[in-house]
């Protein structure tokens, strides 16, 4: 992997809106971020579960979660990807 993949608003939306069973954001074999069911994602490659992302991004707010709020909170997710890359590279 040459560069650190970045979590985007679109990926967060895809994760939160996924109809897959137990969806996760993970790093795929090409080093890109992807969303799929946890059963299809290699365990060490999982960046965040939908439940953890929903808690972090505050999906349960009465007013809902808009893209601007997600964008403002994205800098706090950089450690998620870096931690996963560290695990994959060990």
PDB file of N, CA and C in Angstrom:
ATOM      1  N   UNK A   1       0.842  -1.167   0.000  1.00  0.00           N
ATOM      2  CA  UNK A   1       0.000   0.000   0.000  1.00  0.00           C
ATOM      3  C   UNK A   1       0.889   1.234   0.000  1.00  0.00           C
ATOM      4  N   UNK A   2       0.706   2.075  -0.963  1.00  0.00           N
ATOM      5  CA  UNK A   2       1.589   3.217  -1.088  1.00  0.00           C
ATOM      6  C   UNK A   2       1.114   4.441  -0.326  1.00  0.00           C
ATOM      7  N   UNK A   3      -0.167   4.620  -0.192  1.00  0.00           N
ATOM      8  CA  UNK A   3      -0.676   5.766   0.553  1.00  0.00           C
ATOM      9  C   UNK A   3      -1.801   5.309   1.481  1.00  0.00           C
ATOM     10  N   UNK A   4      -2.015   6.108   2.499  1.00  0.00           N
ATOM     11  CA  UNK A   4      -3.061   5.774   3.458  1.00  0.00           C
ATOM     12  C   UNK A   4      -4.421   6.096   2.868  1.00  0.00           C
ATOM     13  N   UNK A   5      -5.300   5.100   2.771  1.00  0.00           N
ATOM     14  CA  UNK A   5      -6.649   5.395   2.269  1.00  0.00           C
ATOM     15  C   UNK A   5      -7.385   6.311   3.236  1.00  0.00           C
ATOM     16  N   UNK A   6      -8.212   7.169   2.698  1.00  0.00           N
ATOM     17  CA  UNK A   6      -8.934   8.157   3.506  1.00  0.00           C
ATOM     18  C   UNK A   6     -10.412   7.813   3.603  1.00  0.00           C
ATOM     19  N   UNK A   7     -10.928   7.931   4.812  1.00  0.00           N
ATOM     20  CA  UNK A   7     -12.366   7.770   5.005  1.00  0.00           C
ATOM     21  C   UNK A   7     -13.047   9.031   4.489  1.00  0.00           C
ATOM     22  N   UNK A   8     -14.075   8.854   3.683  1.00  0.00           N
ATOM     23  CA  UNK A   8     -14.796   9.977   3.083  1.00  0.00           C
ATOM     24  C   UNK A   8     -16.246   9.991   3.564  1.00  0.00           C
ATOM     25  N   UNK A   9     -16.914  11.101   3.305  1.00  0.00           N
ATOM     26  CA  UNK A   9     -18.336  11.203   3.622  1.00  0.00           C
ATOM     27  C   UNK A   9     -19.101  10.090   2.908  1.00  0.00           C
ATOM     28  N   UNK A  10     -18.768   9.845   1.645  1.00  0.00           N
ATOM     29  CA  UNK A  10     -19.466   8.811   0.874  1.00  0.00           C
ATOM     30  C   UNK A  10     -19.290   7.428   1.504  1.00  0.00           C
ATOM     31  N   UNK A  11     -18.083   7.113   1.975  1.00  0.00           N
ATOM     32  CA  UNK A  11     -17.861   5.813   2.616  1.00  0.00           C
ATOM     33  C   UNK A  11     -18.621   5.697   3.931  1.00  0.00           C
ATOM     34  N   UNK A  12     -18.657   6.777   4.699  1.00  0.00           N
ATOM     35  CA  UNK A  12     -19.409   6.761   5.956  1.00  0.00           C
ATOM     36  C   UNK A  12     -20.889   6.540   5.671  1.00  0.00           C
ATOM     37  N   UNK A  13     -21.421   7.258   4.682  1.00  0.00           N
ATOM     38  CA  UNK A  13     -22.830   7.081   4.305  1.00  0.00           C
ATOM     39  C   UNK A  13     -23.090   5.649   3.863  1.00  0.00           C
ATOM     40  N   UNK A  14     -22.173   5.102   3.031  1.00  0.00           N
ATOM     41  CA  UNK A  14     -22.336   3.736   2.550  1.00  0.00           C
ATOM     42  C   UNK A  14     -22.361   2.751   3.726  1.00  0.00           C
ATOM     43  N   UNK A  15     -21.488   2.949   4.699  1.00  0.00           N
ATOM     44  CA  UNK A  15     -21.450   2.080   5.867  1.00  0.00           C
ATOM     45  C   UNK A  15     -22.719   2.203   6.691  1.00  0.00           C
ATOM     46  N   UNK A  16     -23.122   3.430   6.995  1.00  0.00           N
ATOM     47  CA  UNK A  16     -24.301   3.644   7.832  1.00  0.00           C
ATOM     48  C   UNK A  16     -25.588   3.177   7.158  1.00  0.00           C
ATOM     49  N   UNK A  17     -25.643   3.268   5.828  1.00  0.00           N
ATOM     50  CA  UNK A  17     -26.853   2.914   5.083  1.00  0.00           C
ATOM     51  C   UNK A  17     -26.834   1.481   4.541  1.00  0.00           C
ATOM     52  N   UNK A  18     -25.760   0.752   4.778  1.00  0.00           N
ATOM     53  CA  UNK A  18     -25.599  -0.580   4.204  1.00  0.00           C
ATOM     54  C   UNK A  18     -26.702  -1.528   4.662  1.00  0.00           C
ATOM     55  N   UNK A  19     -27.154  -2.354   3.740  1.00  0.00           N
ATOM     56  CA  UNK A  19     -28.138  -3.382   4.056  1.00  0.00           C
ATOM     57  C   UNK A  19     -27.470  -4.730   4.332  1.00  0.00           C
ATOM     58  N   UNK A  20     -26.142  -4.765   4.227  1.00  0.00           N
ATOM     59  CA  UNK A  20     -25.402  -6.001   4.508  1.00  0.00           C
ATOM     60  C   UNK A  20     -25.560  -6.358   5.986  1.00  0.00           C
ATOM     61  N   UNK A  21     -25.525  -7.621   6.281  1.00  0.00           N
ATOM     62  CA  UNK A  21     -25.568  -8.056   7.671  1.00  0.00           C
ATOM     63  C   UNK A  21     -24.260  -7.707   8.366  1.00  0.00           C
ATOM     64  N   UNK A  22     -24.331  -7.016   9.491  1.00  0.00           N
ATOM     65  CA  UNK A  22     -23.167  -6.618  10.272  1.00  0.00           C
ATOM     66  C   UNK A  22     -22.110  -5.931   9.397  1.00  0.00           C
ATOM     67  N   UNK A  23     -22.460  -4.792   8.774  1.00  0.00           N
ATOM     68  CA  UNK A  23     -21.536  -4.133   7.857  1.00  0.00           C
ATOM     69  C   UNK A  23     -20.329  -3.509   8.556  1.00  0.00           C
ATOM     70  N   UNK A  24     -19.212  -3.524   7.837  1.00  0.00           N
ATOM     71  CA  UNK A  24     -17.966  -2.947   8.332  1.00  0.00           C
ATOM     72  C   UNK A  24     -17.280  -2.176   7.209  1.00  0.00           C
ATOM     73  N   UNK A  25     -16.442  -1.240   7.606  1.00  0.00           N
ATOM     74  CA  UNK A  25     -15.533  -0.572   6.685  1.00  0.00           C
ATOM     75  C   UNK A  25     -14.199  -1.268   6.867  1.00  0.00           C
ATOM     76  N   UNK A  26     -13.593  -1.717   5.765  1.00  0.00           N
ATOM     77  CA  UNK A  26     -12.354  -2.476   5.872  1.00  0.00           C
ATOM     78  C   UNK A  26     -11.405  -2.108   4.736  1.00  0.00           C
ATOM     79  N   UNK A  27     -10.163  -2.551   4.869  1.00  0.00           N
ATOM     80  CA  UNK A  27      -9.167  -2.336   3.829  1.00  0.00           C
ATOM     81  C   UNK A  27      -9.118  -3.609   2.993  1.00  0.00           C
ATOM     82  N   UNK A  28      -9.421  -3.464   1.693  1.00  0.00           N
ATOM     83  CA  UNK A  28      -9.484  -4.641   0.822  1.00  0.00           C
ATOM     84  C   UNK A  28      -8.085  -5.051   0.345  1.00  0.00           C
ATOM     85  N   UNK A  29      -8.036  -6.089  -0.466  1.00  0.00           N
ATOM     86  CA  UNK A  29      -6.760  -6.635  -0.946  1.00  0.00           C
ATOM     87  C   UNK A  29      -5.963  -5.635  -1.788  1.00  0.00           C
ATOM     88  N   UNK A  30      -6.641  -4.638  -2.357  1.00  0.00           N
ATOM     89  CA  UNK A  30      -5.969  -3.619  -3.164  1.00  0.00           C
ATOM     90  C   UNK A  30      -5.535  -2.413  -2.339  1.00  0.00           C
ATOM     91  N   UNK A  31      -5.775  -2.468  -1.038  1.00  0.00           N
ATOM     92  CA  UNK A  31      -5.391  -1.363  -0.167  1.00  0.00           C
ATOM     93  C   UNK A  31      -6.375  -0.216  -0.160  1.00  0.00           C
ATOM     94  N   UNK A  32      -7.578  -0.467  -0.670  1.00  0.00           N
ATOM     95  CA  UNK A  32      -8.628   0.552  -0.705  1.00  0.00           C
ATOM     96  C   UNK A  32      -9.645   0.275   0.391  1.00  0.00           C
ATOM     97  N   UNK A  33     -10.367   1.305   0.797  1.00  0.00           N
ATOM     98  CA  UNK A  33     -11.437   1.140   1.765  1.00  0.00           C
ATOM     99  C   UNK A  33     -12.688   0.647   1.068  1.00  0.00           C
ATOM    100  N   UNK A  34     -13.379  -0.278   1.709  1.00  0.00           N
ATOM    101  CA  UNK A  34     -14.598  -0.855   1.141  1.00  0.00           C
ATOM    102  C   UNK A  34     -15.573  -1.157   2.270  1.00  0.00           C
ATOM    103  N   UNK A  35     -16.836  -1.306   1.903  1.00  0.00           N
ATOM    104  CA  UNK A  35     -17.889  -1.657   2.861  1.00  0.00           C
ATOM    105  C   UNK A  35     -18.475  -3.001   2.443  1.00  0.00           C
ATOM    106  N   UNK A  36     -18.609  -3.889   3.413  1.00  0.00           N
ATOM    107  CA  UNK A  36     -19.229  -5.186   3.159  1.00  0.00           C
ATOM    108  C   UNK A  36     -19.610  -5.797   4.502  1.00  0.00           C
ATOM    109  N   UNK A  37     -20.229  -6.943   4.453  1.00  0.00           N
ATOM    110  CA  UNK A  37     -20.560  -7.673   5.669  1.00  0.00           C
ATOM    111  C   UNK A  37     -19.268  -8.118   6.342  1.00  0.00           C
ATOM    112  N   UNK A  38     -19.281  -8.170   7.659  1.00  0.00           N
ATOM    113  CA  UNK A  38     -18.074  -8.566   8.385  1.00  0.00           C
ATOM    114  C   UNK A  38     -17.621  -9.976   8.025  1.00  0.00           C
ATOM    115  N   UNK A  39     -18.533 -10.832   7.583  1.00  0.00           N
ATOM    116  CA  UNK A  39     -18.139 -12.200   7.215  1.00  0.00           C
ATOM    117  C   UNK A  39     -17.298 -12.229   5.937  1.00  0.00           C
ATOM    118  N   UNK A  40     -17.355 -11.169   5.137  1.00  0.00           N
ATOM    119  CA  UNK A  40     -16.572 -11.102   3.900  1.00  0.00           C
ATOM    120  C   UNK A  40     -15.274 -10.319   4.050  1.00  0.00           C
ATOM    121  N   UNK A  41     -15.099  -9.654   5.169  1.00  0.00           N
ATOM    122  CA  UNK A  41     -13.904  -8.840   5.399  1.00  0.00           C
ATOM    123  C   UNK A  41     -12.928  -9.595   6.295  1.00  0.00           C
ATOM    124  N   UNK A  42     -11.682  -9.748   5.850  1.00  0.00           N
ATOM    125  CA  UNK A  42     -10.704 -10.393   6.729  1.00  0.00           C
ATOM    126  C   UNK A  42     -10.630  -9.643   8.065  1.00  0.00           C
ATOM    127  N   UNK A  43     -10.685 -10.366   9.168  1.00  0.00           N
ATOM    128  CA  UNK A  43     -10.805  -9.760  10.499  1.00  0.00           C
ATOM    129  C   UNK A  43      -9.759  -8.681  10.755  1.00  0.00           C
ATOM    130  N   UNK A  44      -8.525  -8.887  10.433  1.00  0.00           N
ATOM    131  CA  UNK A  44      -7.481  -7.900  10.698  1.00  0.00           C
ATOM    132  C   UNK A  44      -7.579  -6.654   9.851  1.00  0.00           C
ATOM    133  N   UNK A  45      -8.418  -6.690   8.824  1.00  0.00           N
ATOM    134  CA  UNK A  45      -8.522  -5.554   7.909  1.00  0.00           C
ATOM    135  C   UNK A  45      -9.680  -4.611   8.245  1.00  0.00           C
ATOM    136  N   UNK A  46     -10.466  -4.943   9.273  1.00  0.00           N
ATOM    137  CA  UNK A  46     -11.631  -4.131   9.621  1.00  0.00           C
ATOM    138  C   UNK A  46     -11.197  -2.831  10.279  1.00  0.00           C
ATOM    139  N   UNK A  47     -11.659  -1.720   9.708  1.00  0.00           N
ATOM    140  CA  UNK A  47     -11.347  -0.386  10.219  1.00  0.00           C
ATOM    141  C   UNK A  47     -12.356   0.013  11.282  1.00  0.00           C
ATOM    142  N   UNK A  48     -13.649  -0.171  10.988  1.00  0.00           N
ATOM    143  CA  UNK A  48     -14.696   0.202  11.941  1.00  0.00           C
ATOM    144  C   UNK A  48     -15.996  -0.520  11.587  1.00  0.00           C
ATOM    145  N   UNK A  49     -16.753  -0.849  12.607  1.00  0.00           N
ATOM    146  CA  UNK A  49     -18.078  -1.445  12.413  1.00  0.00           C
ATOM    147  C   UNK A  49     -19.110  -0.329  12.243  1.00  0.00           C
ATOM    148  N   UNK A  50     -20.275  -0.695  11.740  1.00  0.00           N
ATOM    149  CA  UNK A  50     -21.340   0.303  11.618  1.00  0.00           C
ATOM    150  C   UNK A  50     -21.729   0.834  12.996  1.00  0.00           C
ATOM    151  N   UNK A  51     -21.809  -0.040  13.979  1.00  0.00           N
ATOM    152  CA  UNK A  51     -22.206   0.384  15.316  1.00  0.00           C
ATOM    153  C   UNK A  51     -21.238   1.425  15.881  1.00  0.00           C
ATOM    154  N   UNK A  52     -19.938   1.172  15.747  1.00  0.00           N
ATOM    155  CA  UNK A  52     -18.938   2.116  16.264  1.00  0.00           C
ATOM    156  C   UNK A  52     -18.969   3.429  15.484  1.00  0.00           C
ATOM    157  N   UNK A  53     -19.158   3.338  14.171  1.00  0.00           N
ATOM    158  CA  UNK A  53     -19.234   4.560  13.359  1.00  0.00           C
ATOM    159  C   UNK A  53     -20.473   5.368  13.714  1.00  0.00           C
ATOM    160  N   UNK A  54     -21.600   4.680  13.914  1.00  0.00           N
ATOM    161  CA  UNK A  54     -22.845   5.375  14.272  1.00  0.00           C
ATOM    162  C   UNK A  54     -22.686   6.090  15.601  1.00  0.00           C
ATOM    163  N   UNK A  55     -22.021   5.445  16.537  1.00  0.00           N
ATOM    164  CA  UNK A  55     -21.795   6.075  17.837  1.00  0.00           C
ATOM    165  C   UNK A  55     -20.891   7.298  17.691  1.00  0.00           C
ATOM    166  N   UNK A  56     -19.809   7.160  16.932  1.00  0.00           N
ATOM    167  CA  UNK A  56     -18.873   8.272  16.758  1.00  0.00           C
ATOM    168  C   UNK A  56     -19.524   9.455  16.025  1.00  0.00           C
ATOM    169  N   UNK A  57     -20.213   9.158  14.946  1.00  0.00           N
ATOM    170  CA  UNK A  57     -20.799  10.225  14.130  1.00  0.00           C
ATOM    171  C   UNK A  57     -22.133  10.725  14.664  1.00  0.00           C
ATOM    172  N   UNK A  58     -22.653  10.101  15.689  1.00  0.00           N
ATOM    173  CA  UNK A  58     -23.880  10.577  16.305  1.00  0.00           C
ATOM    174  C   UNK A  58     -25.115  10.376  15.467  1.00  0.00           C
ATOM    175  N   UNK A  59     -25.191   9.237  14.795  1.00  0.00           N
ATOM    176  CA  UNK A  59     -26.327   8.947  13.910  1.00  0.00           C
ATOM    177  C   UNK A  59     -27.658   9.013  14.648  1.00  0.00           C
ATOM    178  N   UNK A  60     -27.647   8.823  15.932  1.00  0.00           N
ATOM    179  CA  UNK A  60     -28.900   8.764  16.675  1.00  0.00           C
ATOM    180  C   UNK A  60     -29.413  10.139  17.099  1.00  0.00           C
ATOM    181  N   UNK A  61     -28.799  11.204  16.624  1.00  0.00           N
ATOM    182  CA  UNK A  61     -29.281  12.544  16.952  1.00  0.00           C
ATOM    183  C   UNK A  61     -30.698  12.725  16.421  1.00  0.00           C
ATOM    184  N   UNK A  62     -31.494  13.459  17.155  1.00  0.00           N
ATOM    185  CA  UNK A  62     -32.889  13.675  16.772  1.00  0.00           C
ATOM    186  C   UNK A  62     -32.983  14.310  15.388  1.00  0.00           C
ATOM    187  N   UNK A  63     -32.085  15.229  15.083  1.00  0.00           N
ATOM    188  CA  UNK A  63     -32.113  15.921  13.791  1.00  0.00           C
ATOM    189  C   UNK A  63     -31.479  15.112  12.673  1.00  0.00           C
ATOM    190  N   UNK A  64     -30.980  13.933  12.966  1.00  0.00           N
ATOM    191  CA  UNK A  64     -30.331  13.121  11.953  1.00  0.00           C
ATOM    192  C   UNK A  64     -28.877  13.531  11.776  1.00  0.00           C
ATOM    193  N   UNK A  65     -28.231  12.938  10.826  1.00  0.00           N
ATOM    194  CA  UNK A  65     -26.815  13.166  10.577  1.00  0.00           C
ATOM    195  C   UNK A  65     -26.650  13.642   9.146  1.00  0.00           C
ATOM    196  N   UNK A  66     -26.211  14.898   8.978  1.00  0.00           N
ATOM    197  CA  UNK A  66     -26.034  15.404   7.621  1.00  0.00           C
ATOM    198  C   UNK A  66     -24.572  15.287   7.193  1.00  0.00           C
ATOM    199  N   UNK A  67     -24.341  15.461   5.901  1.00  0.00           N
ATOM    200  CA  UNK A  67     -23.006  15.297   5.339  1.00  0.00           C
ATOM    201  C   UNK A  67     -22.011  16.308   5.901  1.00  0.00           C
ATOM    202  N   UNK A  68     -22.463  17.516   6.221  1.00  0.00           N
ATOM    203  CA  UNK A  68     -21.559  18.519   6.788  1.00  0.00           C
ATOM    204  C   UNK A  68     -21.040  18.071   8.154  1.00  0.00           C
ATOM    205  N   UNK A  69     -21.902  17.471   8.954  1.00  0.00           N
ATOM    206  CA  UNK A  69     -21.488  16.982  10.268  1.00  0.00           C
ATOM    207  C   UNK A  69     -20.486  15.846  10.116  1.00  0.00           C
ATOM    208  N   UNK A  70     -20.760  14.939   9.201  1.00  0.00           N
ATOM    209  CA  UNK A  70     -19.818  13.846   8.937  1.00  0.00           C
ATOM    210  C   UNK A  70     -18.465  14.428   8.531  1.00  0.00           C
ATOM    211  N   UNK A  71     -18.476  15.368   7.602  1.00  0.00           N
ATOM    212  CA  UNK A  71     -17.232  15.969   7.106  1.00  0.00           C
ATOM    213  C   UNK A  71     -16.438  16.628   8.240  1.00  0.00           C
ATOM    214  N   UNK A  72     -17.127  17.303   9.140  1.00  0.00           N
ATOM    215  CA  UNK A  72     -16.450  17.969  10.259  1.00  0.00           C
ATOM    216  C   UNK A  72     -15.793  16.965  11.198  1.00  0.00           C
ATOM    217  N   UNK A  73     -16.356  15.766  11.286  1.00  0.00           N
ATOM    218  CA  UNK A  73     -15.842  14.754  12.204  1.00  0.00           C
ATOM    219  C   UNK A  73     -14.819  13.810  11.573  1.00  0.00           C
ATOM    220  N   UNK A  74     -14.632  13.874  10.257  1.00  0.00           N
ATOM    221  CA  UNK A  74     -13.705  12.963   9.579  1.00  0.00           C
ATOM    222  C   UNK A  74     -12.273  13.007  10.109  1.00  0.00           C
ATOM    223  N   UNK A  75     -11.725  14.172  10.459  1.00  0.00           N
ATOM    224  CA  UNK A  75     -10.336  14.166  10.963  1.00  0.00           C
ATOM    225  C   UNK A  75     -10.126  13.244  12.159  1.00  0.00           C
ATOM    226  N   UNK A  76     -11.137  13.017  12.950  1.00  0.00           N
ATOM    227  CA  UNK A  76     -11.021  12.125  14.092  1.00  0.00           C
ATOM    228  C   UNK A  76     -10.965  10.653  13.735  1.00  0.00           C
ATOM    229  N   UNK A  77     -11.137  10.327  12.456  1.00  0.00           N
ATOM    230  CA  UNK A  77     -11.135   8.931  12.021  1.00  0.00           C
ATOM    231  C   UNK A  77      -9.790   8.485  11.467  1.00  0.00           C
ATOM    232  N   UNK A  78      -8.844   9.395  11.327  1.00  0.00           N
ATOM    233  CA  UNK A  78      -7.549   9.048  10.726  1.00  0.00           C
ATOM    234  C   UNK A  78      -6.855   7.924  11.486  1.00  0.00           C
ATOM    235  N   UNK A  79      -6.970   7.922  12.814  1.00  0.00           N
ATOM    236  CA  UNK A  79      -6.340   6.877  13.626  1.00  0.00           C
ATOM    237  C   UNK A  79      -6.930   5.502  13.344  1.00  0.00           C
ATOM    238  N   UNK A  80      -8.202   5.452  12.959  1.00  0.00           N
ATOM    239  CA  UNK A  80      -8.832   4.165  12.676  1.00  0.00           C
ATOM    240  C   UNK A  80      -8.089   3.450  11.551  1.00  0.00           C
ATOM    241  N   UNK A  81      -7.836   4.173  10.465  1.00  0.00           N
ATOM    242  CA  UNK A  81      -7.169   3.583   9.301  1.00  0.00           C
ATOM    243  C   UNK A  81      -5.718   3.267   9.644  1.00  0.00           C
ATOM    244  N   UNK A  82      -5.031   4.186  10.298  1.00  0.00           N
ATOM    245  CA  UNK A  82      -3.627   3.973  10.638  1.00  0.00           C
ATOM    246  C   UNK A  82      -3.456   2.754  11.546  1.00  0.00           C
ATOM    247  N   UNK A  83      -4.349   2.601  12.525  1.00  0.00           N
ATOM    248  CA  UNK A  83      -4.280   1.440  13.421  1.00  0.00           C
ATOM    249  C   UNK A  83      -4.450   0.144  12.627  1.00  0.00           C
ATOM    250  N   UNK A  84      -5.407   0.126  11.730  1.00  0.00           N
ATOM    251  CA  UNK A  84      -5.654  -1.074  10.930  1.00  0.00           C
ATOM    252  C   UNK A  84      -4.450  -1.377  10.043  1.00  0.00           C
ATOM    253  N   UNK A  85      -3.859  -0.355   9.443  1.00  0.00           N
ATOM    254  CA  UNK A  85      -2.676  -0.569   8.624  1.00  0.00           C
ATOM    255  C   UNK A  85      -1.525  -1.129   9.456  1.00  0.00           C
ATOM    256  N   UNK A  86      -1.366  -0.631  10.681  1.00  0.00           N
ATOM    257  CA  UNK A  86      -0.329  -1.158  11.573  1.00  0.00           C
ATOM    258  C   UNK A  86      -0.536  -2.647  11.823  1.00  0.00           C
ATOM    259  N   UNK A  87      -1.782  -3.045  12.062  1.00  0.00           N
ATOM    260  CA  UNK A  87      -2.092  -4.460  12.301  1.00  0.00           C
ATOM    261  C   UNK A  87      -1.786  -5.296  11.059  1.00  0.00           C
ATOM    262  N   UNK A  88      -2.172  -4.785   9.893  1.00  0.00           N
ATOM    263  CA  UNK A  88      -1.954  -5.517   8.658  1.00  0.00           C
ATOM    264  C   UNK A  88      -0.471  -5.646   8.309  1.00  0.00           C
ATOM    265  N   UNK A  89       0.321  -4.657   8.716  1.00  0.00           N
ATOM    266  CA  UNK A  89       1.740  -4.657   8.366  1.00  0.00           C
ATOM    267  C   UNK A  89       2.618  -5.362   9.384  1.00  0.00           C
ATOM    268  N   UNK A  90       2.029  -5.805  10.492  1.00  0.00           N
ATOM    269  CA  UNK A  90       2.817  -6.534  11.506  1.00  0.00           C
ATOM    270  C   UNK A  90       3.017  -7.977  11.113  1.00  0.00           C
TER     271      UNK A  90
END
